[in-house]
C-alpha atoms as a PDB file:
ATOM      1  CA  MET A   1     -89.439  32.665 116.758  1.00  0.00           C
ATOM      2  CA  ARG A   2     -90.401  31.824 113.178  1.00  0.00           C
ATOM      3  CA  GLU A   3     -94.068  32.330 113.959  1.00  0.00           C
ATOM      4  CA  ARG A   4     -93.361  35.833 115.227  1.00  0.00           C
ATOM      5  CA  ASN A   5     -91.405  36.779 112.122  1.00  0.00           C
ATOM      6  CA  LYS A   6     -94.119  35.294 109.931  1.00  0.00           C
ATOM      7  CA  SER A   7     -96.810  37.344 111.694  1.00  0.00           C
ATOM      8  CA  TRP A   8     -94.803  40.535 111.341  1.00  0.00           C
ATOM      9  CA  LYS A   9     -93.998  39.875 107.677  1.00  0.00           C
ATOM     10  CA  GLU A  10     -97.686  39.245 106.910  1.00  0.00           C
ATOM     11  CA  PHE A  11     -98.660  42.489 108.636  1.00  0.00           C
ATOM     12  CA  SER A  12     -95.861  44.337 106.883  1.00  0.00           C
ATOM     13  CA  ARG A  13     -96.851  43.014 103.435  1.00  0.00           C
ATOM     14  CA  TRP A  14    -100.506  43.783 104.099  1.00  0.00           C
ATOM     15  CA  CYS A  15     -99.669  47.377 105.075  1.00  0.00           C
ATOM     16  CA  GLU A  16     -97.460  47.770 102.020  1.00  0.00           C
ATOM     17  CA  GLY A  17    -100.231  46.511  99.733  1.00  0.00           C
ATOM     18  CA  LYS A  18    -102.702  48.968 101.258  1.00  0.00           C
ATOM     19  CA  ARG A  19    -100.144  51.808 101.320  1.00  0.00           C
ATOM     20  CA  LEU A  20    -100.353  52.150 105.100  1.00  0.00           C
ATOM     21  CA  ALA A  21     -97.542  52.753 107.579  1.00  0.00           C
ATOM     22  CA  GLU A  22     -96.412  49.650 109.419  1.00  0.00           C
ATOM     23  CA  LEU A  23     -94.186  51.504 111.865  1.00  0.00           C
ATOM     24  CA  PRO A  24     -95.678  53.351 113.616  1.00  0.00           C
ATOM     25  CA  ALA A  25     -99.000  51.803 112.721  1.00  0.00           C
ATOM     26  CA  HIS A  26    -102.193  53.646 113.498  1.00  0.00           C
ATOM     27  CA  ALA A  27    -104.749  51.813 115.636  1.00  0.00           C
ATOM     28  CA  TRP A  28    -107.214  51.955 112.725  1.00  0.00           C
ATOM     29  CA  THR A  29    -104.668  50.120 110.545  1.00  0.00           C
ATOM     30  CA  VAL A  30    -104.317  47.326 113.085  1.00  0.00           C
ATOM     31  CA  ALA A  31    -108.108  47.036 113.497  1.00  0.00           C
ATOM     32  CA  ALA A  32    -108.523  46.896 109.711  1.00  0.00           C
ATOM     33  CA  TYR A  33    -105.883  44.158 109.546  1.00  0.00           C
ATOM     34  CA  ILE A  34    -107.824  42.145 112.119  1.00  0.00           C
ATOM     35  CA  ARG A  35    -111.076  42.541 110.185  1.00  0.00           C
ATOM     36  CA  PHE A  36    -109.370  41.609 106.914  1.00  0.00           C
ATOM     37  CA  HIS A  37    -108.039  38.367 108.377  1.00  0.00           C
ATOM     38  CA  GLU A  38    -111.115  37.546 110.467  1.00  0.00           C
ATOM     39  CA  GLN A  39    -112.344  34.860 108.053  1.00  0.00           C
ATOM     40  CA  ARG A  40    -108.861  33.513 107.293  1.00  0.00           C
ATOM     41  CA  LYS A  41    -107.393  33.107 110.784  1.00  0.00           C
ATOM     42  CA  GLU A  42    -108.532  31.914 114.167  1.00  0.00           C
ATOM     43  CA  HIS A  43    -108.756  34.308 117.088  1.00  0.00           C
ATOM     44  CA  ALA A  44    -105.667  32.804 118.765  1.00  0.00           C
ATOM     45  CA  GLU A  45    -103.598  33.407 115.617  1.00  0.00           C
ATOM     46  CA  LEU A  46    -104.778  37.008 115.481  1.00  0.00           C
ATOM     47  CA  GLN A  47    -103.852  37.506 119.141  1.00  0.00           C
ATOM     48  CA  GLU A  48    -100.347  36.176 118.473  1.00  0.00           C
ATOM     49  CA  ALA A  49    -100.021  38.580 115.543  1.00  0.00           C
ATOM     50  CA  MET A  50    -101.150  41.451 117.795  1.00  0.00           C
ATOM     51  CA  LYS A  51     -98.490  40.513 120.372  1.00  0.00           C
ATOM     52  CA  GLU A  52     -95.824  40.639 117.687  1.00  0.00           C
ATOM     53  CA  ILE A  53     -97.075  43.981 116.330  1.00  0.00           C
ATOM     54  CA  ALA A  54     -97.044  45.427 119.860  1.00  0.00           C
ATOM     55  CA  ARG A  55     -93.562  43.973 120.483  1.00  0.00           C
ATOM     56  CA  ARG A  56     -92.120  45.502 117.295  1.00  0.00           C
ATOM     57  CA  HIS A  57     -93.567  48.913 118.146  1.00  0.00           C
ATOM     58  CA  LEU A  58     -92.226  48.866 121.684  1.00  0.00           C
ATOM     59  CA  LEU A  59     -88.766  47.730 120.530  1.00  0.00           C
ATOM     60  CA  LYS A  60     -88.574  50.665 118.122  1.00  0.00           C
ATOM     61  CA  GLY A  61     -89.776  53.116 120.785  1.00  0.00           C
ATOM     62  CA  TYR A  62     -93.261  53.739 119.393  1.00  0.00           C
ATOM     63  CA  ALA A  63     -96.544  53.650 121.259  1.00  0.00           C
ATOM     64  CA  ASP A  64     -98.355  50.315 121.199  1.00  0.00           C
ATOM     65  CA  PRO A  65    -101.298  50.566 118.752  1.00  0.00           C
ATOM     66  CA  VAL A  66    -102.712  47.243 119.992  1.00  0.00           C
ATOM     67  CA  ALA A  67    -103.406  48.803 123.409  1.00  0.00           C
ATOM     68  CA  ASN A  68    -105.950  51.134 121.792  1.00  0.00           C
ATOM     69  CA  LYS A  69    -109.573  50.512 122.800  1.00  0.00           C
ATOM     70  CA  MET A  70    -110.664  50.249 119.144  1.00  0.00           C
ATOM     71  CA  VAL A  71    -108.254  47.376 118.500  1.00  0.00           C
ATOM     72  CA  GLN A  72    -109.320  45.578 121.680  1.00  0.00           C
ATOM     73  CA  ASN A  73    -113.008  45.964 120.797  1.00  0.00           C
ATOM     74  CA  THR A  74    -112.332  44.611 117.306  1.00  0.00           C
ATOM     75  CA  LEU A  75    -110.515  41.579 118.735  1.00  0.00           C
ATOM     76  CA  ASP A  76    -113.367  40.962 121.186  1.00  0.00           C
ATOM     77  CA  ARG A  77    -115.970  41.115 118.427  1.00  0.00           C
ATOM     78  CA  VAL A  78    -113.991  38.741 116.227  1.00  0.00           C
ATOM     79  CA  GLU A  79    -113.701  36.313 119.128  1.00  0.00           C
ATOM     80  CA  ASN A  80    -117.435  36.531 119.779  1.00  0.00           C
ATOM     81  CA  ARG A  81    -118.311  35.948 116.105  1.00  0.00           C
ATOM     82  CA  GLN A  82    -115.944  33.001 115.828  1.00  0.00           C
ATOM     83  CA  ARG A  83    -117.227  31.473 119.054  1.00  0.00           C
ATOM     84  CA  ASN A  84    -120.842  31.724 117.863  1.00  0.00           C
ATOM     85  CA  ARG A  85    -120.422  30.915 114.182  1.00  0.00           C
ATOM     86  CA  HIS A  86    -121.754  27.365 114.645  1.00  0.00           C
ATOM     87  CA  HIS A  87    -125.103  28.882 115.693  1.00  0.00           C
ATOM     88  CA  HIS A  88    -125.653  30.386 112.260  1.00  0.00           C
ATOM     89  CA  SER A  89    -127.732  28.506 109.743  1.00  0.00           C
ATOM     90  CA  ALA A  90    -126.558  27.805 106.224  1.00  0.00           C
ATOM     91  CA  LEU A  91    -128.000  30.062 103.562  1.00  0.00           C
ATOM     92  CA  PHE A  92    -127.479  27.556 100.779  1.00  0.00           C
ATOM     93  CA  GLU A  93    -127.380  23.822 100.476  1.00  0.00           C
ATOM     94  CA  GLU A  94    -124.024  22.244 101.161  1.00  0.00           C
ATOM     95  CA  ASP A  95    -124.106  20.254  97.888  1.00  0.00           C
ATOM     96  CA  PRO A  96    -121.315  21.795  95.770  1.00  0.00           C
ATOM     97  CA  VAL A  97    -122.621  20.203  92.585  1.00  0.00           C
ATOM     98  CA  GLN A  98    -125.595  22.144  91.398  1.00  0.00           C
ATOM     99  CA  LYS A  99    -128.129  20.785  89.011  1.00  0.00           C
ATOM    100  CA  PRO A 100    -128.078  22.606  85.701  1.00  0.00           C
ATOM    101  CA  ARG A 101    -131.091  24.767  85.115  1.00  0.00           C
ATOM    102  CA  PRO A 102    -133.200  23.908  82.106  1.00  0.00           C
ATOM    103  CA  GLU A 103    -132.719  26.490  79.435  1.00  0.00           C
ATOM    104  CA  LYS A 104    -135.769  28.446  78.527  1.00  0.00           C
ATOM    105  CA  VAL A 105    -136.352  28.605  74.838  1.00  0.00           C
ATOM    106  CA  ALA A 106    -138.082  31.789  73.825  1.00  0.00           C
ATOM    107  CA  PRO A 107    -140.714  31.380  71.150  1.00  0.00           C
ATOM    108  CA  VAL A 108    -139.739  32.907  67.852  1.00  0.00           C
ATOM    109  CA  ALA A 109    -141.929  35.902  67.233  1.00  0.00           C
ATOM    110  CA  ASP A 110    -141.928  38.737  64.800  1.00  0.00           C
ATOM    111  CA  LYS A 111    -140.073  41.270  66.865  1.00  0.00           C
ATOM    112  CA  GLU A 112    -139.230  44.697  65.662  1.00  0.00           C
ATOM    113  CA  PRO A 113    -135.540  45.463  65.721  1.00  0.00           C
ATOM    114  CA  PRO A 114    -134.617  48.025  68.347  1.00  0.00           C
ATOM    115  CA  LYS A 115    -134.860  51.563  67.104  1.00  0.00           C
ATOM    116  CA  ALA A 116    -131.608  53.353  66.525  1.00  0.00           C
ATOM    117  CA  GLY A 117    -131.495  56.553  68.472  1.00  0.00           C
ATOM    118  CA  ARG A 118    -130.269  57.974  71.679  1.00  0.00           C
ATOM    119  CA  ARG A 119    -129.329  55.504  74.333  1.00  0.00           C
ATOM    120  CA  LYS A 120    -129.933  56.244  77.970  1.00  0.00           C
ATOM    121  CA  VAL A 121    -126.642  56.535  79.778  1.00  0.00           C
ATOM    122  CA  MET A 122    -125.943  57.038  83.456  1.00  0.00           C
ATOM    123  CA  ARG A 123    -124.177  60.323  84.062  1.00  0.00           C
ATOM    124  CA  ASN A 124    -121.313  60.972  86.432  1.00  0.00           C
ATOM    125  CA  GLU A 125    -122.370  64.529  87.027  1.00  0.00           C
ATOM    126  CA  PRO A 126    -125.775  66.206  87.030  1.00  0.00           C
ATOM    127  CA  LYS A 127    -127.231  67.498  83.784  1.00  0.00           C
ATOM    128  CA  LEU A 128    -127.017  71.288  83.535  1.00  0.00           C
ATOM    129  CA  VAL A 129    -130.353  72.942  82.868  1.00  0.00           C
ATOM    130  CA  ARG A 130    -131.457  76.536  82.556  1.00  0.00           C
ATOM    131  CA  ARG A 131    -133.274  78.171  85.386  1.00  0.00           C
ATOM    132  CA  LYS A 132    -136.833  79.221  84.666  1.00  0.00           C
ATOM    133  CA  ARG A 133    -137.513  82.924  84.942  1.00  0.00           C
END
């Protein structure tokens, strides 16, 4: 019983943080919740959470968002990725202690100071120009 309440409270808090409706939840919301927790939870935990979400919706008289094909496809893909994650190779060495890089000392040269003038700045909107006639 506690596990069910915990799953619902997590889903409820997640929806509140994202400003999404928890009841009735849209299927996209449930699929996004699954993807968000994909790295944090095992597939079995996600399935238990989906059962509780479906249960709460049915108790309140709403349609079950977990029954949607998008949610089921998302759960299947998560299961497949978690089942095959041991087949992936490591991108980096497992050694958490990295050797410090030797600092490069730039030779002191007679450099000219940067010229004061207009700086190039990225614009948020296009520059307005006159049309040629």
